[in-house]
Amino acid sequence: MSDRDETPLQRLFRAERQFHAMAPIKDIYSKLFLRTLLWFAFFTFVYFMLTGSV
């Protein structure tokens, strides 16, 4: 699938998988924690962009 055929959400998931694969952490629980932190930060950013509150 080329980049032009992907939706923005699919591109985000692909970037997240690539970042997760490159993380120098070997323990699966640490990777899960890192993934959770990244998604929390993303949704917090989206929330603040949509609501306009700081």
PDB file of N, CA and C in Angstrom:
ATOM      1  N   MET A   1       0.852  -1.176   0.000  1.00  0.00           N
ATOM      2  CA  MET A   1       0.000   0.000   0.000  1.00  0.00           C
ATOM      3  C   MET A   1       0.897   1.238   0.000  1.00  0.00           C
ATOM      4  N   SER A   2       0.613   2.126  -0.883  1.00  0.00           N
ATOM      5  CA  SER A   2       1.420   3.340  -0.948  1.00  0.00           C
ATOM      6  C   SER A   2       0.931   4.346   0.083  1.00  0.00           C
ATOM      7  N   ASP A   3       1.745   5.352   0.339  1.00  0.00           N
ATOM      8  CA  ASP A   3       1.399   6.371   1.330  1.00  0.00           C
ATOM      9  C   ASP A   3       0.154   7.148   0.921  1.00  0.00           C
ATOM     10  N   ARG A   4      -0.074   7.299  -0.375  1.00  0.00           N
ATOM     11  CA  ARG A   4      -1.227   8.069  -0.821  1.00  0.00           C
ATOM     12  C   ARG A   4      -2.534   7.333  -0.577  1.00  0.00           C
ATOM     13  N   ASP A   5      -2.497   5.999  -0.512  1.00  0.00           N
ATOM     14  CA  ASP A   5      -3.713   5.213  -0.305  1.00  0.00           C
ATOM     15  C   ASP A   5      -4.086   5.109   1.165  1.00  0.00           C
ATOM     16  N   GLU A   6      -3.182   5.493   2.063  1.00  0.00           N
ATOM     17  CA  GLU A   6      -3.431   5.373   3.490  1.00  0.00           C
ATOM     18  C   GLU A   6      -4.210   6.572   4.023  1.00  0.00           C
ATOM     19  N   THR A   7      -5.061   6.293   4.981  1.00  0.00           N
ATOM     20  CA  THR A   7      -5.757   7.370   5.677  1.00  0.00           C
ATOM     21  C   THR A   7      -4.803   7.949   6.714  1.00  0.00           C
ATOM     22  N   PRO A   8      -5.070   9.147   7.215  1.00  0.00           N
ATOM     23  CA  PRO A   8      -4.203   9.711   8.254  1.00  0.00           C
ATOM     24  C   PRO A   8      -4.106   8.811   9.487  1.00  0.00           C
ATOM     25  N   LEU A   9      -5.184   8.131   9.839  1.00  0.00           N
ATOM     26  CA  LEU A   9      -5.149   7.237  10.996  1.00  0.00           C
ATOM     27  C   LEU A   9      -4.258   6.026  10.728  1.00  0.00           C
ATOM     28  N   GLN A  10      -4.295   5.503   9.526  1.00  0.00           N
ATOM     29  CA  GLN A  10      -3.421   4.381   9.177  1.00  0.00           C
ATOM     30  C   GLN A  10      -1.952   4.803   9.201  1.00  0.00           C
ATOM     31  N   ARG A  11      -1.663   6.018   8.747  1.00  0.00           N
ATOM     32  CA  ARG A  11      -0.294   6.524   8.798  1.00  0.00           C
ATOM     33  C   ARG A  11       0.176   6.678  10.240  1.00  0.00           C
ATOM     34  N   LEU A  12      -0.740   7.143  11.102  1.00  0.00           N
ATOM     35  CA  LEU A  12      -0.404   7.289  12.518  1.00  0.00           C
ATOM     36  C   LEU A  12      -0.095   5.935  13.143  1.00  0.00           C
ATOM     37  N   PHE A  13      -0.908   4.925  12.846  1.00  0.00           N
ATOM     38  CA  PHE A  13      -0.655   3.581  13.374  1.00  0.00           C
ATOM     39  C   PHE A  13       0.659   3.014  12.854  1.00  0.00           C
ATOM     40  N   ARG A  14       0.970   3.256  11.574  1.00  0.00           N
ATOM     41  CA  ARG A  14       2.227   2.760  11.009  1.00  0.00           C
ATOM     42  C   ARG A  14       3.420   3.440  11.670  1.00  0.00           C
ATOM     43  N   ALA A  15       3.324   4.744  11.886  1.00  0.00           N
ATOM     44  CA  ALA A  15       4.407   5.475  12.543  1.00  0.00           C
ATOM     45  C   ALA A  15       4.577   4.995  13.982  1.00  0.00           C
ATOM     46  N   GLU A  16       3.468   4.712  14.655  1.00  0.00           N
ATOM     47  CA  GLU A  16       3.539   4.232  16.035  1.00  0.00           C
ATOM     48  C   GLU A  16       4.192   2.852  16.091  1.00  0.00           C
ATOM     49  N   ARG A  17       3.856   1.976  15.140  1.00  0.00           N
ATOM     50  CA  ARG A  17       4.486   0.648  15.095  1.00  0.00           C
ATOM     51  C   ARG A  17       5.977   0.753  14.822  1.00  0.00           C
ATOM     52  N   GLN A  18       6.379   1.653  13.926  1.00  0.00           N
ATOM     53  CA  GLN A  18       7.795   1.824  13.619  1.00  0.00           C
ATOM     54  C   GLN A  18       8.543   2.366  14.834  1.00  0.00           C
ATOM     55  N   PHE A  19       7.958   3.345  15.520  1.00  0.00           N
ATOM     56  CA  PHE A  19       8.595   3.891  16.715  1.00  0.00           C
ATOM     57  C   PHE A  19       8.709   2.823  17.791  1.00  0.00           C
ATOM     58  N   HIS A  20       7.652   2.029  17.946  1.00  0.00           N
ATOM     59  CA  HIS A  20       7.646   0.970  18.959  1.00  0.00           C
ATOM     60  C   HIS A  20       8.703  -0.082  18.642  1.00  0.00           C
ATOM     61  N   ALA A  21       8.898  -0.392  17.369  1.00  0.00           N
ATOM     62  CA  ALA A  21       9.903  -1.383  16.973  1.00  0.00           C
ATOM     63  C   ALA A  21      11.319  -0.850  17.177  1.00  0.00           C
ATOM     64  N   MET A  22      11.515   0.466  17.058  1.00  0.00           N
ATOM     65  CA  MET A  22      12.849   1.050  17.198  1.00  0.00           C
ATOM     66  C   MET A  22      13.235   1.327  18.649  1.00  0.00           C
ATOM     67  N   ALA A  23      12.280   1.254  19.561  1.00  0.00           N
ATOM     68  CA  ALA A  23      12.561   1.569  20.968  1.00  0.00           C
ATOM     69  C   ALA A  23      13.612   0.597  21.509  1.00  0.00           C
ATOM     70  N   PRO A  24      14.637   1.123  22.172  1.00  0.00           N
ATOM     71  CA  PRO A  24      15.729   0.264  22.646  1.00  0.00           C
ATOM     72  C   PRO A  24      15.373  -0.493  23.926  1.00  0.00           C
ATOM     73  N   ILE A  25      14.092  -0.714  24.157  1.00  0.00           N
ATOM     74  CA  ILE A  25      13.644  -1.389  25.365  1.00  0.00           C
ATOM     75  C   ILE A  25      13.340  -2.839  25.018  1.00  0.00           C
ATOM     76  N   LYS A  26      13.870  -3.773  25.793  1.00  0.00           N
ATOM     77  CA  LYS A  26      13.671  -5.189  25.511  1.00  0.00           C
ATOM     78  C   LYS A  26      12.448  -5.759  26.220  1.00  0.00           C
ATOM     79  N   ASP A  27      12.128  -5.268  27.401  1.00  0.00           N
ATOM     80  CA  ASP A  27      11.024  -5.804  28.190  1.00  0.00           C
ATOM     81  C   ASP A  27       9.695  -5.392  27.571  1.00  0.00           C
ATOM     82  N   ILE A  28       8.801  -6.359  27.350  1.00  0.00           N
ATOM     83  CA  ILE A  28       7.518  -6.078  26.702  1.00  0.00           C
ATOM     84  C   ILE A  28       6.656  -5.156  27.558  1.00  0.00           C
ATOM     85  N   TYR A  29       6.759  -5.269  28.888  1.00  0.00           N
ATOM     86  CA  TYR A  29       5.947  -4.407  29.747  1.00  0.00           C
ATOM     87  C   TYR A  29       6.416  -2.956  29.665  1.00  0.00           C
ATOM     88  N   SER A  30       7.697  -2.747  29.515  1.00  0.00           N
ATOM     89  CA  SER A  30       8.218  -1.391  29.352  1.00  0.00           C
ATOM     90  C   SER A  30       7.770  -0.806  28.020  1.00  0.00           C
ATOM     91  N   LYS A  31       7.752  -1.622  26.984  1.00  0.00           N
ATOM     92  CA  LYS A  31       7.271  -1.146  25.683  1.00  0.00           C
ATOM     93  C   LYS A  31       5.797  -0.805  25.753  1.00  0.00           C
ATOM     94  N   LEU A  32       5.025  -1.611  26.470  1.00  0.00           N
ATOM     95  CA  LEU A  32       3.600  -1.331  26.628  1.00  0.00           C
ATOM     96  C   LEU A  32       3.387  -0.028  27.389  1.00  0.00           C
ATOM     97  N   PHE A  33       4.192   0.196  28.415  1.00  0.00           N
ATOM     98  CA  PHE A  33       4.115   1.450  29.170  1.00  0.00           C
ATOM     99  C   PHE A  33       4.459   2.637  28.283  1.00  0.00           C
ATOM    100  N   LEU A  34       5.519   2.516  27.482  1.00  0.00           N
ATOM    101  CA  LEU A  34       5.909   3.588  26.559  1.00  0.00           C
ATOM    102  C   LEU A  34       4.802   3.859  25.553  1.00  0.00           C
ATOM    103  N   ARG A  35       4.199   2.810  25.018  1.00  0.00           N
ATOM    104  CA  ARG A  35       3.117   2.967  24.057  1.00  0.00           C
ATOM    105  C   ARG A  35       1.925   3.673  24.702  1.00  0.00           C
ATOM    106  N   THR A  36       1.629   3.313  25.938  1.00  0.00           N
ATOM    107  CA  THR A  36       0.522   3.942  26.657  1.00  0.00           C
ATOM    108  C   THR A  36       0.791   5.427  26.868  1.00  0.00           C
ATOM    109  N   LEU A  37       2.011   5.767  27.243  1.00  0.00           N
ATOM    110  CA  LEU A  37       2.367   7.175  27.432  1.00  0.00           C
ATOM    111  C   LEU A  37       2.245   7.968  26.138  1.00  0.00           C
ATOM    112  N   LEU A  38       2.690   7.384  25.035  1.00  0.00           N
ATOM    113  CA  LEU A  38       2.609   8.080  23.748  1.00  0.00           C
ATOM    114  C   LEU A  38       1.166   8.335  23.336  1.00  0.00           C
ATOM    115  N   TRP A  39       0.293   7.351  23.486  1.00  0.00           N
ATOM    116  CA  TRP A  39      -1.107   7.535  23.121  1.00  0.00           C
ATOM    117  C   TRP A  39      -1.791   8.512  24.060  1.00  0.00           C
ATOM    118  N   PHE A  40      -1.448   8.469  25.340  1.00  0.00           N
ATOM    119  CA  PHE A  40      -2.016   9.431  26.280  1.00  0.00           C
ATOM    120  C   PHE A  40      -1.625  10.856  25.879  1.00  0.00           C
ATOM    121  N   ALA A  41      -0.368  11.054  25.539  1.00  0.00           N
ATOM    122  CA  ALA A  41       0.093  12.378  25.117  1.00  0.00           C
ATOM    123  C   ALA A  41      -0.619  12.817  23.834  1.00  0.00           C
ATOM    124  N   PHE A  42      -0.795  11.896  22.902  1.00  0.00           N
ATOM    125  CA  PHE A  42      -1.474  12.229  21.645  1.00  0.00           C
ATOM    126  C   PHE A  42      -2.915  12.654  21.901  1.00  0.00           C
ATOM    127  N   PHE A  43      -3.663  11.876  22.679  1.00  0.00           N
ATOM    128  CA  PHE A  43      -5.064  12.208  22.919  1.00  0.00           C
ATOM    129  C   PHE A  43      -5.212  13.451  23.788  1.00  0.00           C
ATOM    130  N   THR A  44      -4.266  13.692  24.671  1.00  0.00           N
ATOM    131  CA  THR A  44      -4.286  14.926  25.443  1.00  0.00           C
ATOM    132  C   THR A  44      -4.087  16.128  24.522  1.00  0.00           C
ATOM    133  N   PHE A  45      -3.154  16.007  23.595  1.00  0.00           N
ATOM    134  CA  PHE A  45      -2.913  17.071  22.617  1.00  0.00           C
ATOM    135  C   PHE A  45      -4.159  17.321  21.769  1.00  0.00           C
ATOM    136  N   VAL A  46      -4.788  16.256  21.287  1.00  0.00           N
ATOM    137  CA  VAL A  46      -6.003  16.400  20.478  1.00  0.00           C
ATOM    138  C   VAL A  46      -7.108  17.050  21.294  1.00  0.00           C
ATOM    139  N   TYR A  47      -7.267  16.646  22.539  1.00  0.00           N
ATOM    140  CA  TYR A  47      -8.296  17.232  23.400  1.00  0.00           C
ATOM    141  C   TYR A  47      -8.086  18.745  23.558  1.00  0.00           C
ATOM    142  N   PHE A  48      -6.837  19.146  23.835  1.00  0.00           N
ATOM    143  CA  PHE A  48      -6.569  20.560  24.019  1.00  0.00           C
ATOM    144  C   PHE A  48      -6.722  21.339  22.715  1.00  0.00           C
ATOM    145  N   MET A  49      -6.431  20.715  21.588  1.00  0.00           N
ATOM    146  CA  MET A  49      -6.629  21.400  20.318  1.00  0.00           C
ATOM    147  C   MET A  49      -8.125  21.579  20.015  1.00  0.00           C
ATOM    148  N   LEU A  50      -8.929  20.605  20.353  1.00  0.00           N
ATOM    149  CA  LEU A  50     -10.369  20.695  20.073  1.00  0.00           C
ATOM    150  C   LEU A  50     -11.111  21.604  21.029  1.00  0.00           C
ATOM    151  N   THR A  51     -10.717  21.590  22.292  1.00  0.00           N
ATOM    152  CA  THR A  51     -11.433  22.411  23.279  1.00  0.00           C
ATOM    153  C   THR A  51     -10.870  23.815  23.390  1.00  0.00           C
ATOM    154  N   GLY A  52      -9.613  23.984  23.041  1.00  0.00           N
ATOM    155  CA  GLY A  52      -8.990  25.305  23.119  1.00  0.00           C
ATOM    156  C   GLY A  52      -8.642  25.718  24.535  1.00  0.00           C
ATOM    157  N   SER A  53      -8.789  24.800  25.496  1.00  0.00           N
ATOM    158  CA  SER A  53      -8.448  25.126  26.878  1.00  0.00           C
ATOM    159  C   SER A  53      -6.987  24.782  27.155  1.00  0.00           C
ATOM    160  N   VAL A  54      -6.403  25.572  28.027  1.00  0.00           N
ATOM    161  CA  VAL A  54      -4.998  25.352  28.365  1.00  0.00           C
ATOM    162  C   VAL A  54      -4.863  24.967  29.813  1.00  0.00           C
TER     163      VAL A  54
END
